């Protein structure tokens, strides 16, 4: 598994752009967790990353939208510094009910 950070900027000046924005967010939700409005952290396999990348490319307008995929170093808590509210939850930790 690899940890990646997905950020995106989708042009929303028309209804089609707003639709693309929702689609990009929904795709990212299927692979990770939202940590900021247009930022997701994902723990996925290399093959899942390729599938997600292809799905995102099918949705965006490459002339006006932008998606960035960063591979994160692990352990996360050593390399990611959060100032303010941290929405991250480590889903690999034990679940306590």
PDB file of N, CA and C in Angstrom:
ATOM      1  N   UNK A   1       0.847  -1.190   0.000  1.00  0.00           N
ATOM      2  CA  UNK A   1       0.000   0.000   0.000  1.00  0.00           C
ATOM      3  C   UNK A   1       0.887   1.245   0.000  1.00  0.00           C
ATOM      4  N   UNK A   2       0.398   2.273  -0.637  1.00  0.00           N
ATOM      5  CA  UNK A   2       1.103   3.550  -0.664  1.00  0.00           C
ATOM      6  C   UNK A   2       0.161   4.646  -0.173  1.00  0.00           C
ATOM      7  N   UNK A   3       0.741   5.653   0.438  1.00  0.00           N
ATOM      8  CA  UNK A   3      -0.018   6.814   0.884  1.00  0.00           C
ATOM      9  C   UNK A   3       0.177   7.922  -0.128  1.00  0.00           C
ATOM     10  N   UNK A   4      -0.945   8.500  -0.594  1.00  0.00           N
ATOM     11  CA  UNK A   4      -0.874   9.598  -1.546  1.00  0.00           C
ATOM     12  C   UNK A   4      -1.764  10.731  -1.083  1.00  0.00           C
ATOM     13  N   UNK A   5      -1.392  11.918  -1.508  1.00  0.00           N
ATOM     14  CA  UNK A   5      -2.172  13.117  -1.264  1.00  0.00           C
ATOM     15  C   UNK A   5      -2.693  13.578  -2.619  1.00  0.00           C
ATOM     16  N   UNK A   6      -4.001  13.753  -2.725  1.00  0.00           N
ATOM     17  CA  UNK A   6      -4.639  14.194  -3.959  1.00  0.00           C
ATOM     18  C   UNK A   6      -5.180  15.596  -3.722  1.00  0.00           C
ATOM     19  N   UNK A   7      -4.783  16.539  -4.560  1.00  0.00           N
ATOM     20  CA  UNK A   7      -5.347  17.883  -4.508  1.00  0.00           C
ATOM     21  C   UNK A   7      -5.883  18.217  -5.891  1.00  0.00           C
ATOM     22  N   UNK A   8      -6.922  19.023  -5.928  1.00  0.00           N
ATOM     23  CA  UNK A   8      -7.488  19.358  -7.229  1.00  0.00           C
ATOM     24  C   UNK A   8      -8.031  20.773  -7.242  1.00  0.00           C
ATOM     25  N   UNK A   9      -8.055  21.324  -8.446  1.00  0.00           N
ATOM     26  CA  UNK A   9      -8.613  22.635  -8.715  1.00  0.00           C
ATOM     27  C   UNK A   9      -9.409  22.488 -10.001  1.00  0.00           C
ATOM     28  N   UNK A  10     -10.716  22.540  -9.884  1.00  0.00           N
ATOM     29  CA  UNK A  10     -11.595  22.360 -11.033  1.00  0.00           C
ATOM     30  C   UNK A  10     -12.287  23.686 -11.323  1.00  0.00           C
ATOM     31  N   UNK A  11     -12.240  24.114 -12.574  1.00  0.00           N
ATOM     32  CA  UNK A  11     -12.893  25.360 -12.982  1.00  0.00           C
ATOM     33  C   UNK A  11     -14.407  25.206 -12.841  1.00  0.00           C
ATOM     34  N   UNK A  12     -15.019  26.078 -12.054  1.00  0.00           N
ATOM     35  CA  UNK A  12     -16.452  25.941 -11.771  1.00  0.00           C
ATOM     36  C   UNK A  12     -17.241  27.158 -12.238  1.00  0.00           C
ATOM     37  N   UNK A  13     -16.838  27.748 -13.341  1.00  0.00           N
ATOM     38  CA  UNK A  13     -17.516  28.946 -13.835  1.00  0.00           C
ATOM     39  C   UNK A  13     -18.814  28.638 -14.567  1.00  0.00           C
ATOM     40  N   UNK A  14     -19.080  27.354 -14.838  1.00  0.00           N
ATOM     41  CA  UNK A  14     -20.315  26.966 -15.513  1.00  0.00           C
ATOM     42  C   UNK A  14     -20.851  25.680 -14.882  1.00  0.00           C
ATOM     43  N   UNK A  15     -22.081  25.317 -15.197  1.00  0.00           N
ATOM     44  CA  UNK A  15     -22.658  24.105 -14.602  1.00  0.00           C
ATOM     45  C   UNK A  15     -21.843  22.844 -14.897  1.00  0.00           C
ATOM     46  N   UNK A  16     -21.259  22.759 -16.073  1.00  0.00           N
ATOM     47  CA  UNK A  16     -20.441  21.589 -16.421  1.00  0.00           C
ATOM     48  C   UNK A  16     -19.232  21.477 -15.482  1.00  0.00           C
ATOM     49  N   UNK A  17     -18.611  22.605 -15.151  1.00  0.00           N
ATOM     50  CA  UNK A  17     -17.476  22.607 -14.230  1.00  0.00           C
ATOM     51  C   UNK A  17     -17.885  22.181 -12.830  1.00  0.00           C
ATOM     52  N   UNK A  18     -19.043  22.644 -12.385  1.00  0.00           N
ATOM     53  CA  UNK A  18     -19.534  22.247 -11.061  1.00  0.00           C
ATOM     54  C   UNK A  18     -19.839  20.752 -11.028  1.00  0.00           C
ATOM     55  N   UNK A  19     -20.325  20.206 -12.141  1.00  0.00           N
ATOM     56  CA  UNK A  19     -20.576  18.770 -12.229  1.00  0.00           C
ATOM     57  C   UNK A  19     -19.257  18.008 -12.158  1.00  0.00           C
ATOM     58  N   UNK A  20     -18.232  18.488 -12.884  1.00  0.00           N
ATOM     59  CA  UNK A  20     -16.922  17.840 -12.844  1.00  0.00           C
ATOM     60  C   UNK A  20     -16.350  17.873 -11.429  1.00  0.00           C
ATOM     61  N   UNK A  21     -16.515  18.990 -10.742  1.00  0.00           N
ATOM     62  CA  UNK A  21     -16.020  19.117  -9.369  1.00  0.00           C
ATOM     63  C   UNK A  21     -16.648  18.050  -8.471  1.00  0.00           C
ATOM     64  N   UNK A  22     -17.962  17.875  -8.566  1.00  0.00           N
ATOM     65  CA  UNK A  22     -18.643  16.852  -7.761  1.00  0.00           C
ATOM     66  C   UNK A  22     -18.142  15.456  -8.120  1.00  0.00           C
ATOM     67  N   UNK A  23     -17.941  15.203  -9.404  1.00  0.00           N
ATOM     68  CA  UNK A  23     -17.468  13.892  -9.835  1.00  0.00           C
ATOM     69  C   UNK A  23     -16.064  13.613  -9.316  1.00  0.00           C
ATOM     70  N   UNK A  24     -15.177  14.600  -9.389  1.00  0.00           N
ATOM     71  CA  UNK A  24     -13.817  14.420  -8.884  1.00  0.00           C
ATOM     72  C   UNK A  24     -13.850  14.134  -7.390  1.00  0.00           C
ATOM     73  N   UNK A  25     -14.637  14.896  -6.646  1.00  0.00           N
ATOM     74  CA  UNK A  25     -14.740  14.676  -5.200  1.00  0.00           C
ATOM     75  C   UNK A  25     -15.281  13.282  -4.902  1.00  0.00           C
ATOM     76  N   UNK A  26     -16.283  12.850  -5.645  1.00  0.00           N
ATOM     77  CA  UNK A  26     -16.861  11.519  -5.408  1.00  0.00           C
ATOM     78  C   UNK A  26     -15.855  10.410  -5.710  1.00  0.00           C
ATOM     79  N   UNK A  27     -15.084  10.562  -6.765  1.00  0.00           N
ATOM     80  CA  UNK A  27     -14.053   9.568  -7.078  1.00  0.00           C
ATOM     81  C   UNK A  27     -13.049   9.495  -5.934  1.00  0.00           C
ATOM     82  N   UNK A  28     -12.573  10.651  -5.496  1.00  0.00           N
ATOM     83  CA  UNK A  28     -11.578  10.680  -4.414  1.00  0.00           C
ATOM     84  C   UNK A  28     -12.145  10.100  -3.120  1.00  0.00           C
ATOM     85  N   UNK A  29     -13.421  10.355  -2.831  1.00  0.00           N
ATOM     86  CA  UNK A  29     -14.055   9.795  -1.625  1.00  0.00           C
ATOM     87  C   UNK A  29     -14.024   8.273  -1.648  1.00  0.00           C
ATOM     88  N   UNK A  30     -14.061   7.699  -2.825  1.00  0.00           N
ATOM     89  CA  UNK A  30     -14.045   6.255  -2.933  1.00  0.00           C
ATOM     90  C   UNK A  30     -12.701   5.624  -2.644  1.00  0.00           C
ATOM     91  N   UNK A  31     -11.655   6.443  -2.560  1.00  0.00           N
ATOM     92  CA  UNK A  31     -10.308   5.912  -2.360  1.00  0.00           C
ATOM     93  C   UNK A  31      -9.634   6.407  -1.084  1.00  0.00           C
ATOM     94  N   UNK A  32     -10.177   7.444  -0.467  1.00  0.00           N
ATOM     95  CA  UNK A  32      -9.508   7.984   0.713  1.00  0.00           C
ATOM     96  C   UNK A  32     -10.428   8.863   1.520  1.00  0.00           C
ATOM     97  N   UNK A  33      -9.831   9.734   2.302  1.00  0.00           N
ATOM     98  CA  UNK A  33     -10.611  10.610   3.164  1.00  0.00           C
ATOM     99  C   UNK A  33     -10.268  12.065   2.888  1.00  0.00           C
ATOM    100  N   UNK A  34     -11.311  12.885   2.935  1.00  0.00           N
ATOM    101  CA  UNK A  34     -11.140  14.320   2.714  1.00  0.00           C
ATOM    102  C   UNK A  34     -10.487  14.916   3.958  1.00  0.00           C
ATOM    103  N   UNK A  35      -9.384  15.633   3.770  1.00  0.00           N
ATOM    104  CA  UNK A  35      -8.728  16.297   4.887  1.00  0.00           C
ATOM    105  C   UNK A  35      -8.832  17.813   4.777  1.00  0.00           C
ATOM    106  N   UNK A  36      -9.139  18.314   3.597  1.00  0.00           N
ATOM    107  CA  UNK A  36      -9.496  19.711   3.361  1.00  0.00           C
ATOM    108  C   UNK A  36     -10.477  19.721   2.198  1.00  0.00           C
ATOM    109  N   UNK A  37     -11.003  20.882   1.846  1.00  0.00           N
ATOM    110  CA  UNK A  37     -12.069  20.920   0.849  1.00  0.00           C
ATOM    111  C   UNK A  37     -11.702  20.233  -0.466  1.00  0.00           C
ATOM    112  N   UNK A  38     -10.538  20.473  -0.994  1.00  0.00           N
ATOM    113  CA  UNK A  38     -10.131  19.862  -2.265  1.00  0.00           C
ATOM    114  C   UNK A  38      -8.882  19.013  -2.096  1.00  0.00           C
ATOM    115  N   UNK A  39      -8.759  18.369  -0.935  1.00  0.00           N
ATOM    116  CA  UNK A  39      -7.569  17.579  -0.625  1.00  0.00           C
ATOM    117  C   UNK A  39      -7.978  16.273   0.046  1.00  0.00           C
ATOM    118  N   UNK A  40      -7.433  15.179  -0.476  1.00  0.00           N
ATOM    119  CA  UNK A  40      -7.721  13.853   0.065  1.00  0.00           C
ATOM    120  C   UNK A  40      -6.422  13.132   0.368  1.00  0.00           C
ATOM    121  N   UNK A  41      -6.407  12.367   1.456  1.00  0.00           N
ATOM    122  CA  UNK A  41      -5.312  11.447   1.744  1.00  0.00           C
ATOM    123  C   UNK A  41      -5.836  10.044   1.509  1.00  0.00           C
ATOM    124  N   UNK A  42      -5.052   9.250   0.778  1.00  0.00           N
ATOM    125  CA  UNK A  42      -5.486   7.908   0.408  1.00  0.00           C
ATOM    126  C   UNK A  42      -4.384   6.901   0.720  1.00  0.00           C
ATOM    127  N   UNK A  43      -4.770   5.765   1.228  1.00  0.00           N
ATOM    128  CA  UNK A  43      -3.861   4.624   1.396  1.00  0.00           C
ATOM    129  C   UNK A  43      -4.375   3.552   0.437  1.00  0.00           C
ATOM    130  N   UNK A  44      -3.666   3.398  -0.689  1.00  0.00           N
ATOM    131  CA  UNK A  44      -4.163   2.540  -1.762  1.00  0.00           C
ATOM    132  C   UNK A  44      -3.028   1.718  -2.358  1.00  0.00           C
ATOM    133  N   UNK A  45      -3.404   0.707  -3.094  1.00  0.00           N
ATOM    134  CA  UNK A  45      -2.418  -0.116  -3.788  1.00  0.00           C
ATOM    135  C   UNK A  45      -2.003   0.594  -5.083  1.00  0.00           C
ATOM    136  N   UNK A  46      -0.864   0.242  -5.643  1.00  0.00           N
ATOM    137  CA  UNK A  46      -0.454   0.836  -6.920  1.00  0.00           C
ATOM    138  C   UNK A  46      -1.502   0.634  -8.019  1.00  0.00           C
ATOM    139  N   UNK A  47      -2.160  -0.525  -8.045  1.00  0.00           N
ATOM    140  CA  UNK A  47      -3.171  -0.746  -9.079  1.00  0.00           C
ATOM    141  C   UNK A  47      -4.406   0.130  -8.845  1.00  0.00           C
ATOM    142  N   UNK A  48      -4.785   0.341  -7.587  1.00  0.00           N
ATOM    143  CA  UNK A  48      -5.892   1.249  -7.289  1.00  0.00           C
ATOM    144  C   UNK A  48      -5.548   2.672  -7.711  1.00  0.00           C
ATOM    145  N   UNK A  49      -4.299   3.072  -7.525  1.00  0.00           N
ATOM    146  CA  UNK A  49      -3.867   4.400  -7.940  1.00  0.00           C
ATOM    147  C   UNK A  49      -4.018   4.559  -9.449  1.00  0.00           C
ATOM    148  N   UNK A  50      -3.656   3.559 -10.207  1.00  0.00           N
ATOM    149  CA  UNK A  50      -3.788   3.632 -11.664  1.00  0.00           C
ATOM    150  C   UNK A  50      -5.253   3.725 -12.082  1.00  0.00           C
ATOM    151  N   UNK A  51      -6.107   2.963 -11.418  1.00  0.00           N
ATOM    152  CA  UNK A  51      -7.543   3.011 -11.730  1.00  0.00           C
ATOM    153  C   UNK A  51      -8.109   4.387 -11.391  1.00  0.00           C
ATOM    154  N   UNK A  52      -7.755   4.908 -10.212  1.00  0.00           N
ATOM    155  CA  UNK A  52      -8.234   6.228  -9.817  1.00  0.00           C
ATOM    156  C   UNK A  52      -7.744   7.288 -10.790  1.00  0.00           C
ATOM    157  N   UNK A  53      -6.495   7.239 -11.168  1.00  0.00           N
ATOM    158  CA  UNK A  53      -5.922   8.204 -12.112  1.00  0.00           C
ATOM    159  C   UNK A  53      -6.706   8.175 -13.436  1.00  0.00           C
ATOM    160  N   UNK A  54      -6.995   6.983 -13.941  1.00  0.00           N
ATOM    161  CA  UNK A  54      -7.744   6.859 -15.197  1.00  0.00           C
ATOM    162  C   UNK A  54      -9.157   7.423 -15.051  1.00  0.00           C
ATOM    163  N   UNK A  55      -9.798   7.138 -13.940  1.00  0.00           N
ATOM    164  CA  UNK A  55     -11.158   7.656 -13.708  1.00  0.00           C
ATOM    165  C   UNK A  55     -11.159   9.175 -13.647  1.00  0.00           C
ATOM    166  N   UNK A  56     -10.162   9.747 -12.967  1.00  0.00           N
ATOM    167  CA  UNK A  56     -10.080  11.209 -12.872  1.00  0.00           C
ATOM    168  C   UNK A  56      -9.828  11.835 -14.239  1.00  0.00           C
ATOM    169  N   UNK A  57      -8.964  11.232 -15.030  1.00  0.00           N
ATOM    170  CA  UNK A  57      -8.687  11.750 -16.366  1.00  0.00           C
ATOM    171  C   UNK A  57      -9.911  11.697 -17.270  1.00  0.00           C
ATOM    172  N   UNK A  58     -10.785  10.725 -17.041  1.00  0.00           N
ATOM    173  CA  UNK A  58     -12.019  10.629 -17.818  1.00  0.00           C
ATOM    174  C   UNK A  58     -12.993  11.759 -17.496  1.00  0.00           C
ATOM    175  N   UNK A  59     -12.851  12.358 -16.306  1.00  0.00           N
ATOM    176  CA  UNK A  59     -13.808  13.360 -15.839  1.00  0.00           C
ATOM    177  C   UNK A  59     -13.336  14.790 -16.108  1.00  0.00           C
ATOM    178  N   UNK A  60     -12.073  15.074 -15.862  1.00  0.00           N
ATOM    179  CA  UNK A  60     -11.622  16.471 -15.880  1.00  0.00           C
ATOM    180  C   UNK A  60     -11.466  17.016 -17.301  1.00  0.00           C
ATOM    181  N   UNK A  61     -11.448  18.329 -17.373  1.00  0.00           N
ATOM    182  CA  UNK A  61     -11.095  19.050 -18.592  1.00  0.00           C
ATOM    183  C   UNK A  61      -9.619  19.408 -18.443  1.00  0.00           C
ATOM    184  N   UNK A  62      -8.755  18.729 -19.174  1.00  0.00           N
ATOM    185  CA  UNK A  62      -7.311  18.914 -18.977  1.00  0.00           C
ATOM    186  C   UNK A  62      -6.838  20.312 -19.374  1.00  0.00           C
ATOM    187  N   UNK A  63      -7.675  21.079 -20.059  1.00  0.00           N
ATOM    188  CA  UNK A  63      -7.316  22.450 -20.423  1.00  0.00           C
ATOM    189  C   UNK A  63      -7.564  23.440 -19.290  1.00  0.00           C
ATOM    190  N   UNK A  64      -8.514  23.123 -18.389  1.00  0.00           N
ATOM    191  CA  UNK A  64      -8.853  24.108 -17.356  1.00  0.00           C
ATOM    192  C   UNK A  64      -8.793  23.572 -15.929  1.00  0.00           C
ATOM    193  N   UNK A  65      -8.734  22.254 -15.740  1.00  0.00           N
ATOM    194  CA  UNK A  65      -8.704  21.666 -14.401  1.00  0.00           C
ATOM    195  C   UNK A  65      -7.305  21.147 -14.086  1.00  0.00           C
ATOM    196  N   UNK A  66      -7.033  20.962 -12.811  1.00  0.00           N
ATOM    197  CA  UNK A  66      -5.721  20.466 -12.391  1.00  0.00           C
ATOM    198  C   UNK A  66      -5.876  19.511 -11.217  1.00  0.00           C
ATOM    199  N   UNK A  67      -5.199  18.374 -11.307  1.00  0.00           N
ATOM    200  CA  UNK A  67      -5.148  17.421 -10.199  1.00  0.00           C
ATOM    201  C   UNK A  67      -3.684  17.110  -9.934  1.00  0.00           C
ATOM    202  N   UNK A  68      -3.303  17.113  -8.674  1.00  0.00           N
ATOM    203  CA  UNK A  68      -1.930  16.771  -8.284  1.00  0.00           C
ATOM    204  C   UNK A  68      -1.981  15.560  -7.367  1.00  0.00           C
ATOM    205  N   UNK A  69      -1.067  14.627  -7.618  1.00  0.00           N
ATOM    206  CA  UNK A  69      -0.966  13.415  -6.808  1.00  0.00           C
ATOM    207  C   UNK A  69       0.443  13.373  -6.226  1.00  0.00           C
ATOM    208  N   UNK A  70       0.526  13.429  -4.906  1.00  0.00           N
ATOM    209  CA  UNK A  70       1.810  13.392  -4.212  1.00  0.00           C
ATOM    210  C   UNK A  70       1.911  12.085  -3.443  1.00  0.00           C
ATOM    211  N   UNK A  71       3.018  11.420  -3.558  1.00  0.00           N
ATOM    212  CA  UNK A  71       3.261  10.227  -2.731  1.00  0.00           C
ATOM    213  C   UNK A  71       3.812  10.702  -1.397  1.00  0.00           C
ATOM    214  N   UNK A  72       3.195  10.232  -0.322  1.00  0.00           N
ATOM    215  CA  UNK A  72       3.588  10.650   1.020  1.00  0.00           C
ATOM    216  C   UNK A  72       4.585   9.665   1.615  1.00  0.00           C
ATOM    217  N   UNK A  73       5.499  10.203   2.367  1.00  0.00           N
ATOM    218  CA  UNK A  73       6.446   9.354   3.086  1.00  0.00           C
ATOM    219  C   UNK A  73       5.794   8.854   4.363  1.00  0.00           C
ATOM    220  N   UNK A  74       6.182   7.691   4.775  1.00  0.00           N
ATOM    221  CA  UNK A  74       5.649   7.139   6.017  1.00  0.00           C
ATOM    222  C   UNK A  74       6.779   6.998   7.022  1.00  0.00           C
ATOM    223  N   UNK A  75       6.506   7.053   8.294  1.00  0.00           N
ATOM    224  CA  UNK A  75       5.197   7.174   8.912  1.00  0.00           C
ATOM    225  C   UNK A  75       4.637   8.591   8.781  1.00  0.00           C
ATOM    226  N   UNK A  76       3.334   8.673   8.577  1.00  0.00           N
ATOM    227  CA  UNK A  76       2.669   9.945   8.324  1.00  0.00           C
ATOM    228  C   UNK A  76       2.953  10.967   9.413  1.00  0.00           C
ATOM    229  N   UNK A  77       2.842  10.561  10.670  1.00  0.00           N
ATOM    230  CA  UNK A  77       2.993  11.525  11.767  1.00  0.00           C
ATOM    231  C   UNK A  77       4.396  12.120  11.838  1.00  0.00           C
ATOM    232  N   UNK A  78       5.352  11.498  11.200  1.00  0.00           N
ATOM    233  CA  UNK A  78       6.708  12.034  11.190  1.00  0.00           C
ATOM    234  C   UNK A  78       6.909  13.065  10.071  1.00  0.00           C
ATOM    235  N   UNK A  79       6.150  12.936   8.982  1.00  0.00           N
ATOM    236  CA  UNK A  79       6.373  13.778   7.811  1.00  0.00           C
ATOM    237  C   UNK A  79       5.255  14.754   7.491  1.00  0.00           C
ATOM    238  N   UNK A  80       4.105  14.623   8.150  1.00  0.00           N
ATOM    239  CA  UNK A  80       2.993  15.533   7.903  1.00  0.00           C
ATOM    240  C   UNK A  80       2.770  16.366   9.152  1.00  0.00           C
ATOM    241  N   UNK A  81       2.885  17.660   9.003  1.00  0.00           N
ATOM    242  CA  UNK A  81       2.636  18.580  10.113  1.00  0.00           C
ATOM    243  C   UNK A  81       1.322  19.290   9.851  1.00  0.00           C
ATOM    244  N   UNK A  82       0.424  19.264  10.822  1.00  0.00           N
ATOM    245  CA  UNK A  82      -0.882  19.898  10.697  1.00  0.00           C
ATOM    246  C   UNK A  82      -0.969  21.030  11.698  1.00  0.00           C
ATOM    247  N   UNK A  83      -1.304  22.204  11.211  1.00  0.00           N
ATOM    248  CA  UNK A  83      -1.554  23.356  12.075  1.00  0.00           C
ATOM    249  C   UNK A  83      -3.051  23.618  12.045  1.00  0.00           C
ATOM    250  N   UNK A  84      -3.700  23.556  13.183  1.00  0.00           N
ATOM    251  CA  UNK A  84      -5.144  23.719  13.223  1.00  0.00           C
ATOM    252  C   UNK A  84      -5.834  22.363  13.215  1.00  0.00           C
ATOM    253  N   UNK A  85      -7.073  22.367  12.770  1.00  0.00           N
ATOM    254  CA  UNK A  85      -7.911  21.165  12.797  1.00  0.00           C
ATOM    255  C   UNK A  85      -7.367  20.078  11.870  1.00  0.00           C
ATOM    256  N   UNK A  86      -7.256  18.861  12.404  1.00  0.00           N
ATOM    257  CA  UNK A  86      -6.772  17.724  11.615  1.00  0.00           C
ATOM    258  C   UNK A  86      -7.928  16.747  11.434  1.00  0.00           C
ATOM    259  N   UNK A  87      -8.401  16.585  10.202  1.00  0.00           N
ATOM    260  CA  UNK A  87      -9.531  15.704   9.917  1.00  0.00           C
ATOM    261  C   UNK A  87      -9.104  14.270   9.635  1.00  0.00           C
ATOM    262  N   UNK A  88      -7.806  14.001   9.667  1.00  0.00           N
ATOM    263  CA  UNK A  88      -7.301  12.672   9.332  1.00  0.00           C
ATOM    264  C   UNK A  88      -7.673  11.664  10.405  1.00  0.00           C
ATOM    265  N   UNK A  89      -8.098  10.475   9.962  1.00  0.00           N
ATOM    266  CA  UNK A  89      -8.295   9.340  10.853  1.00  0.00           C
ATOM    267  C   UNK A  89      -7.530   8.178  10.265  1.00  0.00           C
ATOM    268  N   UNK A  90      -6.756   7.511  11.082  1.00  0.00           N
ATOM    269  CA  UNK A  90      -5.990   6.363  10.610  1.00  0.00           C
ATOM    270  C   UNK A  90      -6.886   5.139  10.664  1.00  0.00           C
ATOM    271  N   UNK A  91      -7.379   4.715   9.513  1.00  0.00           N
ATOM    272  CA  UNK A  91      -8.306   3.598   9.461  1.00  0.00           C
ATOM    273  C   UNK A  91      -7.598   2.249   9.631  1.00  0.00           C
ATOM    274  N   UNK A  92      -6.277   2.273   9.716  1.00  0.00           N
ATOM    275  CA  UNK A  92      -5.570   1.023   9.996  1.00  0.00           C
ATOM    276  C   UNK A  92      -5.471   0.769  11.498  1.00  0.00           C
ATOM    277  N   UNK A  93      -5.789   1.776  12.315  1.00  0.00           N
ATOM    278  CA  UNK A  93      -5.813   1.586  13.768  1.00  0.00           C
ATOM    279  C   UNK A  93      -6.999   0.700  14.145  1.00  0.00           C
ATOM    280  N   UNK A  94      -6.922   0.030  15.302  1.00  0.00           N
ATOM    281  CA  UNK A  94      -8.060  -0.788  15.763  1.00  0.00           C
ATOM    282  C   UNK A  94      -9.293   0.083  15.975  1.00  0.00           C
ATOM    283  N   UNK A  95     -10.439  -0.461  15.638  1.00  0.00           N
ATOM    284  CA  UNK A  95     -11.707   0.229  15.829  1.00  0.00           C
ATOM    285  C   UNK A  95     -12.253  -0.119  17.212  1.00  0.00           C
ATOM    286  N   UNK A  96     -12.525   0.913  18.002  1.00  0.00           N
ATOM    287  CA  UNK A  96     -13.055   0.712  19.343  1.00  0.00           C
ATOM    288  C   UNK A  96     -14.495   1.199  19.339  1.00  0.00           C
ATOM    289  N   UNK A  97     -15.400   0.324  19.723  1.00  0.00           N
ATOM    290  CA  UNK A  97     -16.827   0.679  19.758  1.00  0.00           C
ATOM    291  C   UNK A  97     -17.286   0.986  21.152  1.00  0.00           C
TER     292      UNK A  97
END
